[in-house]
Structures are given as structure tokens and as C-alpha cells.
Amino acid sequence: MEKYQDLNEKAITGWIKEGWEWGQPIDHATFLRAKAGDFQMLLTPTKAVPKDWFGPLQGKEVLGLASGGGQQMPIFAALGAKVTLLDYTQAQLDSDCLVSKREGFPLKAIKADMSQPLPFPNDCFDLIFFPVSNVYIEEAKPLFKECYRILKRGGRLLSGLDNGVNFITNEDEKEIVNSFPFNPLKNPQQMAELAKNDDGVEFSHTLDEQIGGQLEAGFHLQALYEDTNGSGRLHELHIPTFFATLAFKD
């Protein structure tokens, strides 16, 4: 049986070919603006990450965790950071490598599965940037433990997270049709629905797993904000479906 991670890589590669917004690399002008200090980055669909969440970046070791697509790592590089990218989708890695070559900044691009132990030594990064990506892995808590392990003392974890609301509604967001947990590996009906809509293999995660998981790993939670889908009925009703957290390793 094909691994769900490989199913997700195939799905995401197809989305990129169709113009998926999270797979389109930044242009040269955006890179130059970032070098001048004019930038924004997203952990969730619409709200820019507050700039004070990043702290000093010059010379800092930054990991983009499941953060391919040529959007965030180039901006970190423009701001003076040393950048490493880990992603499982080769097309996402390729986008970052394209921008790295075009703009002339060094990039370590690693294809790896974030549901497994991360291929880095202890205490090696100053900041981890983790957009909404744990929906593509079955278990969230082990990943937060790995993030804690590879961050230096005082290091920052910036996470984009899904509160689960998107998993309970039907496609037009008018009816509640699913129960929790949403886990297609254990629910053939959910897997069939995802396959029909070419949605890859996605999983719901509770606040227990996502905030509790960070706290259990040892993180100190500093700040949080909520966000919507950016479009659709839930967005029009101002119902948050995502949130972002800033956490520190003491």
C-alpha cells in the first residue's frame, strides 16, 4: 500500500501545476523589497505574522519546516538569515532552489518526512517557521518534541495550525457531516471523500495536540492569533478556522 506521505506529494505536485497559491515562488521585486525591510509572511491564509515574532534575523539559523514553495525562505534569506528548508514535496523544494539560484543566496534544501525524527542534531536552529502543514501528518505531538530538540535555548517556534472546523463541514460549509478525529487511515469513507476531491490525505488535530503538544514538549507559549479561510461561507461568517502561535524554548 502506498504511504499517505507519497499520496500527499502527488496531490500537492498536481495543485502546484494548477496554480496553487502556496506553491508560487516570490518574484525578484518582492525579494528586493524584503532586503529593504518591506516584507510580510503568512503562517495562516490571510493575516501577516507580526514582525516582532521574528526577533533579530541577521546571521540566525532558520528552518522552514514543511515550508516549501519559494515564498518564506527567500524572505528570511533577504533579511540576513541562514536558511534550511525541509519538505517532502520535491516540487516545493524546487521552487525554493529556483529562487535561491536566481537571487544568489545559499539554501540547504532537504527532502524528508516530518512524521519521522528530523534529520538535524540537537540545538542547531534559532527559529523554526512552520506554516499550516501538520494537517498532512497523522500525529502532531512527536513533531513538536522534535522541534524542541533541534532548537537552541531561547529559540522560537512559529506555527500555523488548523482548529479542526474545516474538517467537520461539507464542501459548501453549510452542514456538519464529520465527527472527530478526522483520520482517513482509520475511516474509509473519509479517505474516499478526500480522494474524490483530490484533497490528498489530511488529518484533524485538537488544541490538546497542538497547544498541549507544544507545552508538553517544553515550549513556553508567548502569543497567539486566529485567522479565517480567506474565502467561503465560514470566512464570510467570520468563523476562525486557523490560528498561529509563537513559542520559545527556555
C-alpha atoms as a PDB file:
ATOM      1  CA  MET A   1       0.000   0.000   0.000  1.00  0.00           C
ATOM      2  CA  GLU A   2       1.294   3.465  -0.923  1.00  0.00           C
ATOM      3  CA  LYS A   3       2.328   5.651   2.002  1.00  0.00           C
ATOM      4  CA  TYR A   4      -0.009   8.548   2.697  1.00  0.00           C
ATOM      5  CA  GLN A   5       3.001  10.866   2.566  1.00  0.00           C
ATOM      6  CA  ASP A   6       3.582   9.844  -1.065  1.00  0.00           C
ATOM      7  CA  LEU A   7      -0.101  10.362  -1.861  1.00  0.00           C
ATOM      8  CA  ASN A   8       0.209  13.879  -0.470  1.00  0.00           C
ATOM      9  CA  GLU A   9       3.306  14.605  -2.544  1.00  0.00           C
ATOM     10  CA  LYS A  10       1.445  13.570  -5.703  1.00  0.00           C
ATOM     11  CA  ALA A  11      -1.572  15.674  -4.773  1.00  0.00           C
ATOM     12  CA  ILE A  12       0.457  18.773  -3.902  1.00  0.00           C
ATOM     13  CA  THR A  13       2.516  18.455  -7.098  1.00  0.00           C
ATOM     14  CA  GLY A  14      -0.731  18.474  -9.058  1.00  0.00           C
ATOM     15  CA  TRP A  15      -2.045  21.502  -7.172  1.00  0.00           C
ATOM     16  CA  ILE A  16       1.155  23.417  -7.959  1.00  0.00           C
ATOM     17  CA  LYS A  17       0.751  22.704 -11.675  1.00  0.00           C
ATOM     18  CA  GLU A  18      -2.781  24.093 -11.412  1.00  0.00           C
ATOM     19  CA  GLY A  19      -1.524  27.320  -9.795  1.00  0.00           C
ATOM     20  CA  TRP A  20      -1.876  26.521  -6.064  1.00  0.00           C
ATOM     21  CA  GLU A  21      -1.149  29.775  -4.226  1.00  0.00           C
ATOM     22  CA  TRP A  22       1.234  28.194  -1.695  1.00  0.00           C
ATOM     23  CA  GLY A  23       3.446  26.814  -4.464  1.00  0.00           C
ATOM     24  CA  GLN A  24       4.180  30.024  -6.379  1.00  0.00           C
ATOM     25  CA  PRO A  25       7.650  31.482  -5.667  1.00  0.00           C
ATOM     26  CA  ILE A  26       8.126  35.175  -4.975  1.00  0.00           C
ATOM     27  CA  ASP A  27       9.421  37.395  -7.763  1.00  0.00           C
ATOM     28  CA  HIS A  28      12.637  39.426  -7.837  1.00  0.00           C
ATOM     29  CA  ALA A  29      10.894  42.671  -6.847  1.00  0.00           C
ATOM     30  CA  THR A  30       9.456  41.044  -3.704  1.00  0.00           C
ATOM     31  CA  PHE A  31      12.914  39.782  -2.773  1.00  0.00           C
ATOM     32  CA  LEU A  32      14.409  43.273  -3.188  1.00  0.00           C
ATOM     33  CA  ARG A  33      11.657  44.832  -1.063  1.00  0.00           C
ATOM     34  CA  ALA A  34      12.367  42.286   1.668  1.00  0.00           C
ATOM     35  CA  LYS A  35      16.058  43.202   1.604  1.00  0.00           C
ATOM     36  CA  ALA A  36      14.959  46.789   2.257  1.00  0.00           C
ATOM     37  CA  GLY A  37      12.836  45.650   5.225  1.00  0.00           C
ATOM     38  CA  ASP A  38       9.472  45.759   3.420  1.00  0.00           C
ATOM     39  CA  PHE A  39       8.016  42.258   3.771  1.00  0.00           C
ATOM     40  CA  GLN A  40       5.271  40.106   5.168  1.00  0.00           C
ATOM     41  CA  MET A  41       4.973  36.372   5.778  1.00  0.00           C
ATOM     42  CA  LEU A  42       1.979  34.150   6.372  1.00  0.00           C
ATOM     43  CA  LEU A  43       1.550  31.220   8.737  1.00  0.00           C
ATOM     44  CA  THR A  44      -2.217  31.136   8.051  1.00  0.00           C
ATOM     45  CA  PRO A  45      -4.247  32.177   4.989  1.00  0.00           C
ATOM     46  CA  THR A  46      -4.672  35.941   5.409  1.00  0.00           C
ATOM     47  CA  LYS A  47      -3.063  37.542   8.480  1.00  0.00           C
ATOM     48  CA  ALA A  48       0.585  38.584   8.291  1.00  0.00           C
ATOM     49  CA  VAL A  49       2.831  37.346  11.090  1.00  0.00           C
ATOM     50  CA  PRO A  50       3.640  40.241  13.469  1.00  0.00           C
ATOM     51  CA  LYS A  51       7.200  41.343  12.765  1.00  0.00           C
ATOM     52  CA  ASP A  52       8.178  41.266  16.409  1.00  0.00           C
ATOM     53  CA  TRP A  53       7.582  37.489  16.365  1.00  0.00           C
ATOM     54  CA  PHE A  54      10.749  37.013  14.279  1.00  0.00           C
ATOM     55  CA  GLY A  55      13.270  38.737  16.513  1.00  0.00           C
ATOM     56  CA  PRO A  56      16.750  39.520  15.133  1.00  0.00           C
ATOM     57  CA  LEU A  57      17.417  37.511  11.970  1.00  0.00           C
ATOM     58  CA  GLN A  58      20.861  38.589  10.784  1.00  0.00           C
ATOM     59  CA  GLY A  59      23.114  35.532  10.872  1.00  0.00           C
ATOM     60  CA  LYS A  60      20.469  33.361  12.556  1.00  0.00           C
ATOM     61  CA  GLU A  61      19.882  29.712  11.618  1.00  0.00           C
ATOM     62  CA  VAL A  62      16.291  29.382  10.329  1.00  0.00           C
ATOM     63  CA  LEU A  63      14.475  26.168   9.422  1.00  0.00           C
ATOM     64  CA  GLY A  64      11.463  26.240   7.129  1.00  0.00           C
ATOM     65  CA  LEU A  65       9.574  23.149   8.279  1.00  0.00           C
ATOM     66  CA  ALA A  66       7.270  21.833   5.533  1.00  0.00           C
ATOM     67  CA  SER A  67       7.552  25.380   4.241  1.00  0.00           C
ATOM     68  CA  GLY A  68       8.488  24.914   0.582  1.00  0.00           C
ATOM     69  CA  GLY A  69       7.112  26.896  -2.328  1.00  0.00           C
ATOM     70  CA  GLY A  70       9.683  29.668  -2.675  1.00  0.00           C
ATOM     71  CA  GLN A  71       7.813  32.147  -0.503  1.00  0.00           C
ATOM     72  CA  GLN A  72       9.200  32.306   3.036  1.00  0.00           C
ATOM     73  CA  MET A  73      12.796  31.061   2.904  1.00  0.00           C
ATOM     74  CA  PRO A  74      13.831  33.675   0.307  1.00  0.00           C
ATOM     75  CA  ILE A  75      12.480  36.421   2.562  1.00  0.00           C
ATOM     76  CA  PHE A  76      14.359  35.066   5.566  1.00  0.00           C
ATOM     77  CA  ALA A  77      17.495  34.981   3.421  1.00  0.00           C
ATOM     78  CA  ALA A  78      16.886  38.566   2.264  1.00  0.00           C
ATOM     79  CA  LEU A  79      16.729  39.565   5.937  1.00  0.00           C
ATOM     80  CA  GLY A  80      20.142  38.049   6.605  1.00  0.00           C
ATOM     81  CA  ALA A  81      19.253  34.596   7.968  1.00  0.00           C
ATOM     82  CA  LYS A  82      20.994  31.329   7.096  1.00  0.00           C
ATOM     83  CA  VAL A  83      18.191  29.192   5.691  1.00  0.00           C
ATOM     84  CA  THR A  84      17.428  25.485   5.667  1.00  0.00           C
ATOM     85  CA  LEU A  85      14.271  24.015   4.147  1.00  0.00           C
ATOM     86  CA  LEU A  86      12.708  20.629   4.886  1.00  0.00           C
ATOM     87  CA  ASP A  87       9.795  19.471   2.766  1.00  0.00           C
ATOM     88  CA  TYR A  88       8.506  16.149   1.405  1.00  0.00           C
ATOM     89  CA  THR A  89       7.259  17.509  -1.923  1.00  0.00           C
ATOM     90  CA  GLN A  90      10.077  17.815  -4.439  1.00  0.00           C
ATOM     91  CA  ALA A  91       8.246  20.452  -6.473  1.00  0.00           C
ATOM     92  CA  GLN A  92       8.059  22.678  -3.379  1.00  0.00           C
ATOM     93  CA  LEU A  93      11.778  22.253  -2.757  1.00  0.00           C
ATOM     94  CA  ASP A  94      12.463  23.016  -6.425  1.00  0.00           C
ATOM     95  CA  SER A  95      10.640  26.361  -6.132  1.00  0.00           C
ATOM     96  CA  ASP A  96      12.903  27.462  -3.300  1.00  0.00           C
ATOM     97  CA  CYS A  97      16.004  26.267  -5.140  1.00  0.00           C
ATOM     98  CA  LEU A  98      14.900  28.289  -8.174  1.00  0.00           C
ATOM     99  CA  VAL A  99      14.676  31.490  -6.097  1.00  0.00           C
ATOM    100  CA  SER A 100      17.938  30.682  -4.310  1.00  0.00           C
ATOM    101  CA  LYS A 101      19.755  30.390  -7.642  1.00  0.00           C
ATOM    102  CA  ARG A 102      18.094  33.486  -9.090  1.00  0.00           C
ATOM    103  CA  GLU A 103      18.826  35.707  -6.090  1.00  0.00           C
ATOM    104  CA  GLY A 104      22.206  34.223  -5.193  1.00  0.00           C
ATOM    105  CA  PHE A 105      21.665  33.181  -1.588  1.00  0.00           C
ATOM    106  CA  PRO A 106      22.724  29.812  -0.105  1.00  0.00           C
ATOM    107  CA  LEU A 107      19.967  27.346   0.772  1.00  0.00           C
ATOM    108  CA  LYS A 108      20.093  23.878   2.297  1.00  0.00           C
ATOM    109  CA  ALA A 109      17.103  22.024   0.802  1.00  0.00           C
ATOM    110  CA  ILE A 110      16.300  18.639   2.326  1.00  0.00           C
ATOM    111  CA  LYS A 111      13.607  16.200   1.252  1.00  0.00           C
ATOM    112  CA  ALA A 112      12.428  14.425   4.403  1.00  0.00           C
ATOM    113  CA  ASP A 113       9.308  13.176   6.164  1.00  0.00           C
ATOM    114  CA  MET A 114       8.385  15.318   9.167  1.00  0.00           C
ATOM    115  CA  SER A 115       6.406  12.449  10.688  1.00  0.00           C
ATOM    116  CA  GLN A 116       9.794  10.817  11.353  1.00  0.00           C
ATOM    117  CA  PRO A 117      12.654  12.103  13.552  1.00  0.00           C
ATOM    118  CA  LEU A 118      14.037  15.252  11.943  1.00  0.00           C
ATOM    119  CA  PRO A 119      17.500  14.845  10.335  1.00  0.00           C
ATOM    120  CA  PHE A 120      19.219  17.507  12.442  1.00  0.00           C
ATOM    121  CA  PRO A 121      21.362  17.486  15.602  1.00  0.00           C
ATOM    122  CA  ASN A 122      20.192  18.914  18.903  1.00  0.00           C
ATOM    123  CA  ASP A 123      20.221  22.684  19.481  1.00  0.00           C
ATOM    124  CA  CYS A 124      21.046  23.804  15.933  1.00  0.00           C
ATOM    125  CA  PHE A 125      18.336  26.325  14.903  1.00  0.00           C
ATOM    126  CA  ASP A 126      17.405  29.759  16.210  1.00  0.00           C
ATOM    127  CA  LEU A 127      13.942  29.809  14.607  1.00  0.00           C
ATOM    128  CA  ILE A 128      11.562  27.299  13.037  1.00  0.00           C
ATOM    129  CA  PHE A 129       8.882  28.569  10.662  1.00  0.00           C
ATOM    130  CA  PHE A 130       6.057  26.014  10.388  1.00  0.00           C
ATOM    131  CA  PRO A 131       3.035  27.062   8.300  1.00  0.00           C
ATOM    132  CA  VAL A 132      -0.202  25.051   8.350  1.00  0.00           C
ATOM    133  CA  SER A 133       1.300  21.660   7.489  1.00  0.00           C
ATOM    134  CA  ASN A 134       0.603  19.264  10.335  1.00  0.00           C
ATOM    135  CA  VAL A 135      -2.768  18.564   8.701  1.00  0.00           C
ATOM    136  CA  TYR A 136      -0.700  16.289   6.421  1.00  0.00           C
ATOM    137  CA  ILE A 137       0.630  14.054   9.216  1.00  0.00           C
ATOM    138  CA  GLU A 138      -1.286  11.730  11.499  1.00  0.00           C
ATOM    139  CA  GLU A 139       0.386  12.655  14.801  1.00  0.00           C
ATOM    140  CA  ALA A 140       1.293  16.199  15.845  1.00  0.00           C
ATOM    141  CA  LYS A 141       2.844  15.778  19.309  1.00  0.00           C
ATOM    142  CA  PRO A 142       6.008  13.902  18.231  1.00  0.00           C
ATOM    143  CA  LEU A 143       6.821  16.687  15.777  1.00  0.00           C
ATOM    144  CA  PHE A 144       6.662  19.372  18.471  1.00  0.00           C
ATOM    145  CA  LYS A 145       9.077  17.304  20.570  1.00  0.00           C
ATOM    146  CA  GLU A 146      11.435  17.176  17.603  1.00  0.00           C
ATOM    147  CA  CYS A 147      11.138  20.940  17.125  1.00  0.00           C
ATOM    148  CA  TYR A 148      12.054  21.476  20.758  1.00  0.00           C
ATOM    149  CA  ARG A 149      15.043  19.158  20.418  1.00  0.00           C
ATOM    150  CA  ILE A 150      16.572  20.909  17.403  1.00  0.00           C
ATOM    151  CA  LEU A 151      16.013  24.496  18.608  1.00  0.00           C
ATOM    152  CA  LYS A 152      18.701  26.313  20.566  1.00  0.00           C
ATOM    153  CA  ARG A 153      17.893  27.672  24.024  1.00  0.00           C
ATOM    154  CA  GLY A 154      15.868  30.834  23.513  1.00  0.00           C
ATOM    155  CA  GLY A 155      14.879  29.617  20.041  1.00  0.00           C
ATOM    156  CA  ARG A 156      11.499  30.427  18.531  1.00  0.00           C
ATOM    157  CA  LEU A 157       8.830  28.174  17.008  1.00  0.00           C
ATOM    158  CA  LEU A 158       6.326  30.000  14.779  1.00  0.00           C
ATOM    159  CA  SER A 159       3.459  27.656  13.906  1.00  0.00           C
ATOM    160  CA  GLY A 160       0.373  27.901  11.718  1.00  0.00           C
ATOM    161  CA  LEU A 161      -2.304  25.483  12.922  1.00  0.00           C
ATOM    162  CA  ASP A 162      -5.805  24.275  11.995  1.00  0.00           C
ATOM    163  CA  ASN A 163      -8.510  24.277  14.686  1.00  0.00           C
ATOM    164  CA  GLY A 164     -10.461  21.461  13.017  1.00  0.00           C
ATOM    165  CA  VAL A 165     -13.574  23.361  11.894  1.00  0.00           C
ATOM    166  CA  ASN A 166     -12.786  22.777   8.218  1.00  0.00           C
ATOM    167  CA  PHE A 167     -12.853  19.032   8.800  1.00  0.00           C
ATOM    168  CA  ILE A 168     -16.392  18.851  10.183  1.00  0.00           C
ATOM    169  CA  THR A 169     -18.298  20.646   7.397  1.00  0.00           C
ATOM    170  CA  ASN A 170     -19.337  19.602   3.919  1.00  0.00           C
ATOM    171  CA  GLU A 171     -17.818  21.217   0.831  1.00  0.00           C
ATOM    172  CA  ASP A 172     -20.125  24.257   0.777  1.00  0.00           C
ATOM    173  CA  GLU A 173     -19.591  24.726   4.539  1.00  0.00           C
ATOM    174  CA  LYS A 174     -23.289  24.593   5.355  1.00  0.00           C
ATOM    175  CA  GLU A 175     -23.628  21.264   7.183  1.00  0.00           C
ATOM    176  CA  ILE A 176     -21.732  19.391   9.863  1.00  0.00           C
ATOM    177  CA  VAL A 177     -21.004  15.988   8.342  1.00  0.00           C
ATOM    178  CA  ASN A 178     -17.911  14.576  10.055  1.00  0.00           C
ATOM    179  CA  SER A 179     -17.024  13.576  13.587  1.00  0.00           C
ATOM    180  CA  PHE A 180     -13.584  13.874  15.183  1.00  0.00           C
ATOM    181  CA  PRO A 181     -10.980  12.726  14.802  1.00  0.00           C
ATOM    182  CA  PHE A 182     -10.845  13.140  11.041  1.00  0.00           C
ATOM    183  CA  ASN A 183      -8.421  10.336  10.242  1.00  0.00           C
ATOM    184  CA  PRO A 184      -8.792   8.769   6.782  1.00  0.00           C
ATOM    185  CA  LEU A 185      -6.344   5.998   7.680  1.00  0.00           C
ATOM    186  CA  LYS A 186      -8.978   4.714  10.110  1.00  0.00           C
ATOM    187  CA  ASN A 187     -12.109   5.813   8.245  1.00  0.00           C
ATOM    188  CA  PRO A 188     -12.501   4.515   4.656  1.00  0.00           C
ATOM    189  CA  GLN A 189     -15.411   6.886   3.994  1.00  0.00           C
ATOM    190  CA  GLN A 190     -13.257   9.899   4.822  1.00  0.00           C
ATOM    191  CA  MET A 191     -10.456   8.549   2.615  1.00  0.00           C
ATOM    192  CA  ALA A 192     -12.879   8.073  -0.281  1.00  0.00           C
ATOM    193  CA  GLU A 193     -14.188  11.636   0.114  1.00  0.00           C
ATOM    194  CA  LEU A 194     -10.676  13.073   0.087  1.00  0.00           C
ATOM    195  CA  ALA A 195      -9.744  11.040  -2.996  1.00  0.00           C
ATOM    196  CA  LYS A 196     -12.887  12.172  -4.841  1.00  0.00           C
ATOM    197  CA  ASN A 197     -11.980  15.831  -4.263  1.00  0.00           C
ATOM    198  CA  ASP A 198      -8.231  15.360  -4.886  1.00  0.00           C
ATOM    199  CA  ASP A 199      -7.529  16.683  -1.373  1.00  0.00           C
ATOM    200  CA  GLY A 200      -4.577  14.461  -0.542  1.00  0.00           C
ATOM    201  CA  VAL A 201      -4.651  12.761   2.863  1.00  0.00           C
ATOM    202  CA  GLU A 202      -5.387  15.170   5.707  1.00  0.00           C
ATOM    203  CA  PHE A 203      -5.929  14.830   9.446  1.00  0.00           C
ATOM    204  CA  SER A 204      -7.666  16.913  12.094  1.00  0.00           C
ATOM    205  CA  HIS A 205      -5.751  17.802  15.244  1.00  0.00           C
ATOM    206  CA  THR A 206      -7.168  19.068  18.514  1.00  0.00           C
ATOM    207  CA  LEU A 207      -5.964  22.024  20.592  1.00  0.00           C
ATOM    208  CA  ASP A 208      -4.855  19.360  23.051  1.00  0.00           C
ATOM    209  CA  GLU A 209      -2.455  18.003  20.431  1.00  0.00           C
ATOM    210  CA  GLN A 210      -1.326  21.343  19.047  1.00  0.00           C
ATOM    211  CA  ILE A 211      -1.110  23.724  22.004  1.00  0.00           C
ATOM    212  CA  GLY A 212      -0.890  20.968  24.590  1.00  0.00           C
ATOM    213  CA  GLY A 213       1.718  19.247  22.419  1.00  0.00           C
ATOM    214  CA  GLN A 214       3.917  22.341  22.410  1.00  0.00           C
ATOM    215  CA  LEU A 215       3.605  22.748  26.178  1.00  0.00           C
ATOM    216  CA  GLU A 216       4.328  19.059  26.799  1.00  0.00           C
ATOM    217  CA  ALA A 217       7.439  19.320  24.640  1.00  0.00           C
ATOM    218  CA  GLY A 218       8.688  22.078  26.957  1.00  0.00           C
ATOM    219  CA  PHE A 219       7.813  25.215  24.992  1.00  0.00           C
ATOM    220  CA  HIS A 220       6.740  28.462  26.595  1.00  0.00           C
ATOM    221  CA  LEU A 221       3.759  29.878  24.656  1.00  0.00           C
ATOM    222  CA  GLN A 222       4.191  33.612  24.123  1.00  0.00           C
ATOM    223  CA  ALA A 223       1.473  34.773  21.692  1.00  0.00           C
ATOM    224  CA  LEU A 224      -1.422  33.590  19.528  1.00  0.00           C
ATOM    225  CA  TYR A 225      -3.814  34.926  16.888  1.00  0.00           C
ATOM    226  CA  GLU A 226      -6.703  33.461  14.872  1.00  0.00           C
ATOM    227  CA  ASP A 227      -7.462  33.607  11.152  1.00  0.00           C
ATOM    228  CA  THR A 228     -10.145  32.535   8.662  1.00  0.00           C
ATOM    229  CA  ASN A 229     -10.009  30.627   5.385  1.00  0.00           C
ATOM    230  CA  GLY A 230      -9.881  33.885   3.451  1.00  0.00           C
ATOM    231  CA  SER A 231     -12.888  32.893   1.325  1.00  0.00           C
ATOM    232  CA  GLY A 232     -16.040  30.776   1.521  1.00  0.00           C
ATOM    233  CA  ARG A 233     -19.039  30.730   3.860  1.00  0.00           C
ATOM    234  CA  LEU A 234     -17.081  30.270   7.100  1.00  0.00           C
ATOM    235  CA  HIS A 235     -14.925  33.254   6.175  1.00  0.00           C
ATOM    236  CA  GLU A 236     -17.993  35.355   5.363  1.00  0.00           C
ATOM    237  CA  LEU A 237     -19.383  34.473   8.799  1.00  0.00           C
ATOM    238  CA  HIS A 238     -16.042  35.490  10.402  1.00  0.00           C
ATOM    239  CA  ILE A 239     -15.536  31.991  11.835  1.00  0.00           C
ATOM    240  CA  PRO A 240     -11.866  31.319  12.633  1.00  0.00           C
ATOM    241  CA  THR A 241     -10.518  28.081  11.191  1.00  0.00           C
ATOM    242  CA  PHE A 242      -6.796  28.611  11.777  1.00  0.00           C
ATOM    243  CA  PHE A 243      -4.541  30.014  14.463  1.00  0.00           C
ATOM    244  CA  ALA A 244      -0.869  30.841  14.784  1.00  0.00           C
ATOM    245  CA  THR A 245       1.365  30.518  17.829  1.00  0.00           C
ATOM    246  CA  LEU A 246       4.715  31.901  18.916  1.00  0.00           C
ATOM    247  CA  ALA A 247       6.555  29.663  21.371  1.00  0.00           C
ATOM    248  CA  PHE A 248      10.033  29.771  22.919  1.00  0.00           C
ATOM    249  CA  LYS A 249      12.421  27.104  24.085  1.00  0.00           C
ATOM    250  CA  ASP A 250      13.572  28.212  27.543  1.00  0.00           C
END
